[in-house]
C-alpha atoms as a PDB file:
ATOM      1  CA  MET A   1     139.962 147.420  97.107  1.00  0.00           C
ATOM      2  CA  LYS A   2     140.378 147.051  99.566  1.00  0.00           C
ATOM      3  CA  ALA A   3     141.931 146.687 100.011  1.00  0.00           C
ATOM      4  CA  CYS A   4     144.461 146.474  97.434  1.00  0.00           C
ATOM      5  CA  VAL A   5     147.754 147.068  99.223  1.00  0.00           C
ATOM      6  CA  ALA A   6     149.200 145.909  95.932  1.00  0.00           C
ATOM      7  CA  LEU A   7     149.825 149.601  95.230  1.00  0.00           C
ATOM      8  CA  LEU A   8     152.937 148.917  97.193  1.00  0.00           C
ATOM      9  CA  LEU A   9     154.058 146.786  94.349  1.00  0.00           C
ATOM     10  CA  LEU A  10     154.622 149.960  92.304  1.00  0.00           C
ATOM     11  CA  VAL A  11     157.193 151.188  94.861  1.00  0.00           C
ATOM     12  CA  ALA A  12     158.605 147.721  95.619  1.00  0.00           C
ATOM     13  CA  SER A  13     162.092 148.765  94.713  1.00  0.00           C
ATOM     14  CA  CYS A  14     162.132 151.390  97.487  1.00  0.00           C
ATOM     15  CA  ALA A  15     160.033 149.613 100.182  1.00  0.00           C
ATOM     16  CA  THR A  16     161.380 147.064 102.582  1.00  0.00           C
ATOM     17  CA  VAL A  17     159.561 144.743 104.947  1.00  0.00           C
ATOM     18  CA  PRO A  18     161.405 142.452 107.303  1.00  0.00           C
ATOM     19  CA  PRO A  19     161.393 138.853 106.072  1.00  0.00           C
ATOM     20  CA  ALA A  20     159.831 137.746 109.361  1.00  0.00           C
ATOM     21  CA  VAL A  21     156.451 139.239 108.410  1.00  0.00           C
ATOM     22  CA  GLN A  22     153.823 136.484 108.275  1.00  0.00           C
ATOM     23  CA  ALA A  23     150.860 136.504 105.999  1.00  0.00           C
ATOM     24  CA  PRO A  24     147.499 136.512 107.687  1.00  0.00           C
ATOM     25  CA  ALA A  25     145.144 133.497 107.527  1.00  0.00           C
ATOM     26  CA  LEU A  26     142.335 134.229 105.205  1.00  0.00           C
ATOM     27  CA  ALA A  27     138.947 132.593 105.027  1.00  0.00           C
ATOM     28  CA  ALA A  28     138.034 130.784 101.863  1.00  0.00           C
ATOM     29  CA  PRO A  29     136.117 133.120  99.454  1.00  0.00           C
ATOM     30  CA  ALA A  30     133.243 130.624  99.307  1.00  0.00           C
ATOM     31  CA  GLN A  31     132.354 131.627 102.925  1.00  0.00           C
ATOM     32  CA  TYR A  32     131.074 134.913 101.480  1.00  0.00           C
ATOM     33  CA  PRO A  33     127.838 134.042  99.573  1.00  0.00           C
ATOM     34  CA  LEU A  34     127.804 136.925  97.027  1.00  0.00           C
ATOM     35  CA  ASP A  35     129.678 136.597  93.728  1.00  0.00           C
ATOM     36  CA  PHE A  36     130.681 139.947  92.101  1.00  0.00           C
ATOM     37  CA  SER A  37     132.976 141.764  89.777  1.00  0.00           C
ATOM     38  CA  THR A  38     134.225 145.265  90.381  1.00  0.00           C
ATOM     39  CA  ARG A  39     136.782 147.685  88.883  1.00  0.00           C
ATOM     40  CA  GLN A  40     138.287 150.119  91.385  1.00  0.00           C
ATOM     41  CA  SER A  41     140.648 153.124  91.191  1.00  0.00           C
ATOM     42  CA  LEU A  42     143.047 153.139  94.126  1.00  0.00           C
ATOM     43  CA  SER A  43     145.214 155.999  95.389  1.00  0.00           C
ATOM     44  CA  GLY A  44     146.938 156.429  98.649  1.00  0.00           C
ATOM     45  CA  ASP A  45     149.970 157.031 100.695  1.00  0.00           C
ATOM     46  CA  TYR A  46     152.574 154.489 101.942  1.00  0.00           C
ATOM     47  CA  ASP A  47     155.400 155.758 104.078  1.00  0.00           C
ATOM     48  CA  GLY A  48     155.196 159.245 102.514  1.00  0.00           C
ATOM     49  CA  ARG A  49     154.997 157.918  98.925  1.00  0.00           C
ATOM     50  CA  ALA A  50     151.996 158.616  96.682  1.00  0.00           C
ATOM     51  CA  LEU A  51     150.503 155.462  95.138  1.00  0.00           C
ATOM     52  CA  ALA A  52     147.929 154.910  92.359  1.00  0.00           C
ATOM     53  CA  VAL A  53     146.669 151.862  90.434  1.00  0.00           C
ATOM     54  CA  ASP A  54     143.408 150.402  89.107  1.00  0.00           C
ATOM     55  CA  CYS A  55     142.312 146.962  90.174  1.00  0.00           C
ATOM     56  CA  VAL A  56     139.803 144.524  88.845  1.00  0.00           C
ATOM     57  CA  VAL A  57     138.397 142.259  91.591  1.00  0.00           C
ATOM     58  CA  GLU A  58     136.286 139.295  90.927  1.00  0.00           C
ATOM     59  CA  LYS A  59     134.800 136.771  93.400  1.00  0.00           C
ATOM     60  CA  VAL A  60     133.214 133.643  92.014  1.00  0.00           C
ATOM     61  CA  GLY A  61     132.540 130.737  94.293  1.00  0.00           C
ATOM     62  CA  ASP A  62     135.767 129.801  96.079  1.00  0.00           C
ATOM     63  CA  ARG A  63     138.019 131.934  93.861  1.00  0.00           C
ATOM     64  CA  LEU A  64     138.996 135.547  94.425  1.00  0.00           C
ATOM     65  CA  THR A  65     141.071 137.310  91.755  1.00  0.00           C
ATOM     66  CA  VAL A  66     142.707 140.726  91.959  1.00  0.00           C
ATOM     67  CA  ILE A  67     144.394 142.150  88.870  1.00  0.00           C
ATOM     68  CA  GLY A  68     146.396 145.358  89.136  1.00  0.00           C
ATOM     69  CA  LEU A  69     146.450 147.556  85.994  1.00  0.00           C
ATOM     70  CA  GLY A  70     148.847 150.300  85.124  1.00  0.00           C
ATOM     71  CA  PRO A  71     148.589 153.000  82.449  1.00  0.00           C
ATOM     72  CA  GLN A  72     146.707 152.063  79.303  1.00  0.00           C
ATOM     73  CA  GLY A  73     145.382 148.944  81.164  1.00  0.00           C
ATOM     74  CA  VAL A  74     148.754 147.161  81.218  1.00  0.00           C
ATOM     75  CA  ARG A  75     148.642 144.272  83.702  1.00  0.00           C
ATOM     76  CA  VAL A  76     151.052 144.935  86.546  1.00  0.00           C
ATOM     77  CA  PHE A  77     150.202 141.983  88.870  1.00  0.00           C
ATOM     78  CA  SER A  78     147.629 139.348  89.710  1.00  0.00           C
ATOM     79  CA  VAL A  79     146.818 137.670  92.936  1.00  0.00           C
ATOM     80  CA  VAL A  80     144.420 134.698  92.998  1.00  0.00           C
ATOM     81  CA  GLN A  81     142.993 133.038  96.114  1.00  0.00           C
ATOM     82  CA  THR A  82     141.420 129.684  95.574  1.00  0.00           C
ATOM     83  CA  GLY A  83     140.148 128.309  98.829  1.00  0.00           C
ATOM     84  CA  THR A  84     142.932 129.251 101.259  1.00  0.00           C
ATOM     85  CA  ALA A  85     145.746 128.880  98.641  1.00  0.00           C
ATOM     86  CA  ILE A  86     147.283 132.096  97.236  1.00  0.00           C
ATOM     87  CA  ASP A  87     149.125 132.531  93.914  1.00  0.00           C
ATOM     88  CA  ALA A  88     150.789 135.900  93.071  1.00  0.00           C
ATOM     89  CA  GLN A  89     152.372 136.995  89.780  1.00  0.00           C
ATOM     90  CA  MET A  90     154.272 140.118  88.848  1.00  0.00           C
ATOM     91  CA  TYR A  91     154.271 141.120  85.161  1.00  0.00           C
ATOM     92  CA  LEU A  92     156.686 144.026  85.012  1.00  0.00           C
ATOM     93  CA  GLY A  93     160.340 143.278  85.145  1.00  0.00           C
ATOM     94  CA  ASP A  94     162.082 141.885  88.226  1.00  0.00           C
ATOM     95  CA  GLN A  95     160.012 143.649  90.952  1.00  0.00           C
ATOM     96  CA  ARG A  96     159.507 141.723  94.206  1.00  0.00           C
ATOM     97  CA  TRP A  97     156.571 141.751  96.516  1.00  0.00           C
ATOM     98  CA  PRO A  98     157.461 144.037  99.452  1.00  0.00           C
ATOM     99  CA  PHE A  99     155.197 141.991 101.712  1.00  0.00           C
ATOM    100  CA  PRO A 100     153.340 138.709 101.583  1.00  0.00           C
ATOM    101  CA  PRO A 101     150.601 138.830  98.848  1.00  0.00           C
ATOM    102  CA  ALA A 102     147.984 137.712 101.332  1.00  0.00           C
ATOM    103  CA  PHE A 103     148.121 141.213 102.810  1.00  0.00           C
ATOM    104  CA  LEU A 104     146.616 142.468  99.523  1.00  0.00           C
ATOM    105  CA  LEU A 105     143.872 139.987  99.750  1.00  0.00           C
ATOM    106  CA  GLN A 106     143.220 140.710 103.418  1.00  0.00           C
ATOM    107  CA  ASP A 107     142.364 144.282 102.493  1.00  0.00           C
ATOM    108  CA  VAL A 108     140.026 143.082  99.771  1.00  0.00           C
ATOM    109  CA  HIS A 109     138.368 140.870 102.391  1.00  0.00           C
ATOM    110  CA  ARG A 110     138.081 143.856 104.767  1.00  0.00           C
ATOM    111  CA  LEU A 111     136.420 146.022 102.102  1.00  0.00           C
ATOM    112  CA  LEU A 112     134.198 143.555 100.232  1.00  0.00           C
ATOM    113  CA  LEU A 113     134.030 140.145 101.986  1.00  0.00           C
ATOM    114  CA  THR A 114     133.103 141.108 105.524  1.00  0.00           C
ATOM    115  CA  GLY A 115     129.641 140.695 107.022  1.00  0.00           C
ATOM    116  CA  ASP A 116     126.442 139.214 105.505  1.00  0.00           C
ATOM    117  CA  PRO A 117     125.622 140.810 102.174  1.00  0.00           C
ATOM    118  CA  HIS A 118     121.955 140.010 102.594  1.00  0.00           C
ATOM    119  CA  MET A 119     121.457 141.475 106.081  1.00  0.00           C
ATOM    120  CA  VAL A 120     120.741 145.086 107.018  1.00  0.00           C
ATOM    121  CA  GLN A 121     121.452 146.003 110.615  1.00  0.00           C
ATOM    122  CA  PRO A 122     119.524 148.563 112.718  1.00  0.00           C
ATOM    123  CA  ASP A 123     121.175 151.860 113.484  1.00  0.00           C
ATOM    124  CA  GLY A 124     124.073 151.782 115.963  1.00  0.00           C
ATOM    125  CA  LEU A 125     127.170 149.688 116.711  1.00  0.00           C
ATOM    126  CA  HIS A 126     127.264 146.017 115.965  1.00  0.00           C
ATOM    127  CA  ARG A 127     130.134 143.702 116.919  1.00  0.00           C
ATOM    128  CA  PHE A 128     130.779 140.264 115.404  1.00  0.00           C
ATOM    129  CA  ARG A 129     133.554 137.824 114.390  1.00  0.00           C
ATOM    130  CA  SER A 130     134.510 137.660 110.748  1.00  0.00           C
ATOM    131  CA  HIS A 131     137.499 135.623 109.364  1.00  0.00           C
ATOM    132  CA  SER A 132     138.773 134.947 112.933  1.00  0.00           C
ATOM    133  CA  MET A 133     138.817 138.609 113.862  1.00  0.00           C
ATOM    134  CA  TRP A 134     136.505 140.852 115.840  1.00  0.00           C
ATOM    135  CA  VAL A 135     134.837 143.556 113.792  1.00  0.00           C
ATOM    136  CA  GLU A 136     132.714 146.546 114.910  1.00  0.00           C
ATOM    137  CA  GLU A 137     130.417 148.227 112.416  1.00  0.00           C
ATOM    138  CA  LEU A 138     128.509 151.566 112.671  1.00  0.00           C
ATOM    139  CA  TRP A 139     125.196 151.417 110.838  1.00  0.00           C
ATOM    140  CA  SER A 140     122.907 154.328 109.937  1.00  0.00           C
ATOM    141  CA  ASP A 141     119.793 154.385 107.712  1.00  0.00           C
ATOM    142  CA  GLY A 142     120.316 150.839 106.503  1.00  0.00           C
ATOM    143  CA  ARG A 143     123.992 151.395 105.535  1.00  0.00           C
ATOM    144  CA  VAL A 144     127.300 150.520 107.174  1.00  0.00           C
ATOM    145  CA  MET A 145     129.211 153.783 107.672  1.00  0.00           C
ATOM    146  CA  ARG A 146     132.377 152.544 109.314  1.00  0.00           C
ATOM    147  CA  ARG A 147     134.029 149.203 109.972  1.00  0.00           C
ATOM    148  CA  GLU A 148     136.844 148.755 112.588  1.00  0.00           C
ATOM    149  CA  PHE A 149     138.887 145.569 112.952  1.00  0.00           C
ATOM    150  CA  GLU A 150     140.453 144.435 116.242  1.00  0.00           C
ATOM    151  CA  ASP A 151     143.916 145.040 114.789  1.00  0.00           C
ATOM    152  CA  GLY A 152     143.147 148.774 114.422  1.00  0.00           C
ATOM    153  CA  VAL A 153     142.389 148.849 110.701  1.00  0.00           C
ATOM    154  CA  VAL A 154     139.518 151.216 109.966  1.00  0.00           C
ATOM    155  CA  VAL A 155     137.398 151.304 106.783  1.00  0.00           C
ATOM    156  CA  GLU A 156     135.145 154.334 106.257  1.00  0.00           C
ATOM    157  CA  PHE A 157     132.365 154.197 103.662  1.00  0.00           C
ATOM    158  CA  GLU A 158     131.482 157.697 102.276  1.00  0.00           C
ATOM    159  CA  GLY A 159     127.693 157.927 102.270  1.00  0.00           C
ATOM    160  CA  GLY A 160     127.524 154.392 103.706  1.00  0.00           C
ATOM    161  CA  ALA A 161     127.629 150.995 102.050  1.00  0.00           C
ATOM    162  CA  ARG A 162     124.425 149.083 101.301  1.00  0.00           C
ATOM    163  CA  ALA A 163     124.469 145.390 102.160  1.00  0.00           C
ATOM    164  CA  GLY A 164     126.111 143.524  99.341  1.00  0.00           C
ATOM    165  CA  ALA A 165     127.486 146.553  97.437  1.00  0.00           C
ATOM    166  CA  PRO A 166     130.375 149.000  98.112  1.00  0.00           C
ATOM    167  CA  PRO A 167     129.896 152.805  98.094  1.00  0.00           C
ATOM    168  CA  ARG A 168     131.400 154.969  95.446  1.00  0.00           C
ATOM    169  CA  HIS A 169     134.288 155.911  97.794  1.00  0.00           C
ATOM    170  CA  SER A 170     135.885 154.124 100.720  1.00  0.00           C
ATOM    171  CA  ARG A 171     139.020 154.820 102.770  1.00  0.00           C
ATOM    172  CA  LEU A 172     141.022 152.123 104.429  1.00  0.00           C
ATOM    173  CA  THR A 173     143.506 153.248 107.147  1.00  0.00           C
ATOM    174  CA  HIS A 174     146.107 150.813 108.368  1.00  0.00           C
ATOM    175  CA  GLY A 175     148.352 152.509 111.002  1.00  0.00           C
ATOM    176  CA  GLY A 176     150.209 149.290 111.744  1.00  0.00           C
ATOM    177  CA  ARG A 177     151.477 149.044 108.159  1.00  0.00           C
ATOM    178  CA  GLY A 178     151.652 152.713 107.597  1.00  0.00           C
ATOM    179  CA  TYR A 179     149.290 153.343 104.725  1.00  0.00           C
ATOM    180  CA  ILE A 180     146.033 155.071 103.786  1.00  0.00           C
ATOM    181  CA  LEU A 181     144.118 153.842 100.794  1.00  0.00           C
ATOM    182  CA  ASP A 182     141.323 155.645  98.962  1.00  0.00           C
ATOM    183  CA  VAL A 183     139.167 153.346  96.874  1.00  0.00           C
ATOM    184  CA  VAL A 184     136.750 154.579  94.175  1.00  0.00           C
ATOM    185  CA  ALA A 185     134.421 151.932  92.792  1.00  0.00           C
ATOM    186  CA  LEU A 186     134.202 152.582  89.034  1.00  0.00           C
ATOM    187  CA  THR A 187     131.946 149.631  88.372  1.00  0.00           C
ATOM    188  CA  PHE A 188     130.256 146.940  90.521  1.00  0.00           C
ATOM    189  CA  GLN A 189     127.917 144.173  89.562  1.00  0.00           C
ATOM    190  CA  THR A 190     126.743 141.004  91.193  1.00  0.00           C
ATOM    191  CA  LEU A 191     127.150 137.882  89.118  1.00  0.00           C
ATOM    192  CA  GLU A 192     124.347 135.466  88.425  1.00  0.00           C
ATOM    193  CA  ASN A 193     123.621 132.454  90.607  1.00  0.00           C
ATOM    194  CA  SER A 194     125.140 134.135  93.700  1.00  0.00           C
ATOM    195  CA  GLY A 195     123.307 133.895  96.936  1.00  0.00           C
ATOM    196  CA  PRO A 196     119.690 133.401  97.727  1.00  0.00           C
END
């Protein structure tokens, strides 16, 4: 999803990030009113390397869980955000995170936990603050087509995203970290007792 920069985990042995990199502050998942579960296929490019992994993302109340799956559904990693606390686990060998795990969650927030899932905006550009960052969205025909964050990260939604649901295909481009991520939503469902 998202953001799911966790694809980098698959190339952790050949990727390096300076130890001074700080994890971003993330809003508690409970600030986003919609609970959901989604399975996504991710592919992309990081520093000239091809990446691919499936992720299961579930948001329930104040808990956001991202599980990375390798071939035959083998669990590669998990990252859980409860409130503002983050716990990350690697399941294959001695691989290390090439960056703070909050970056993975930040991309999930950018893709799935930004904006009001119950509000449809009129056509045009709309600017607002989300998770302590300015965001500009382009809306057309009741769908958000593009989302740009003040740090230059751009999310493009093929065919547009309806309020509260991702489109089939999204692309997240993060020039500052040097990656492009294509996200295909294989499944998406809202969970009961979420939102008004």
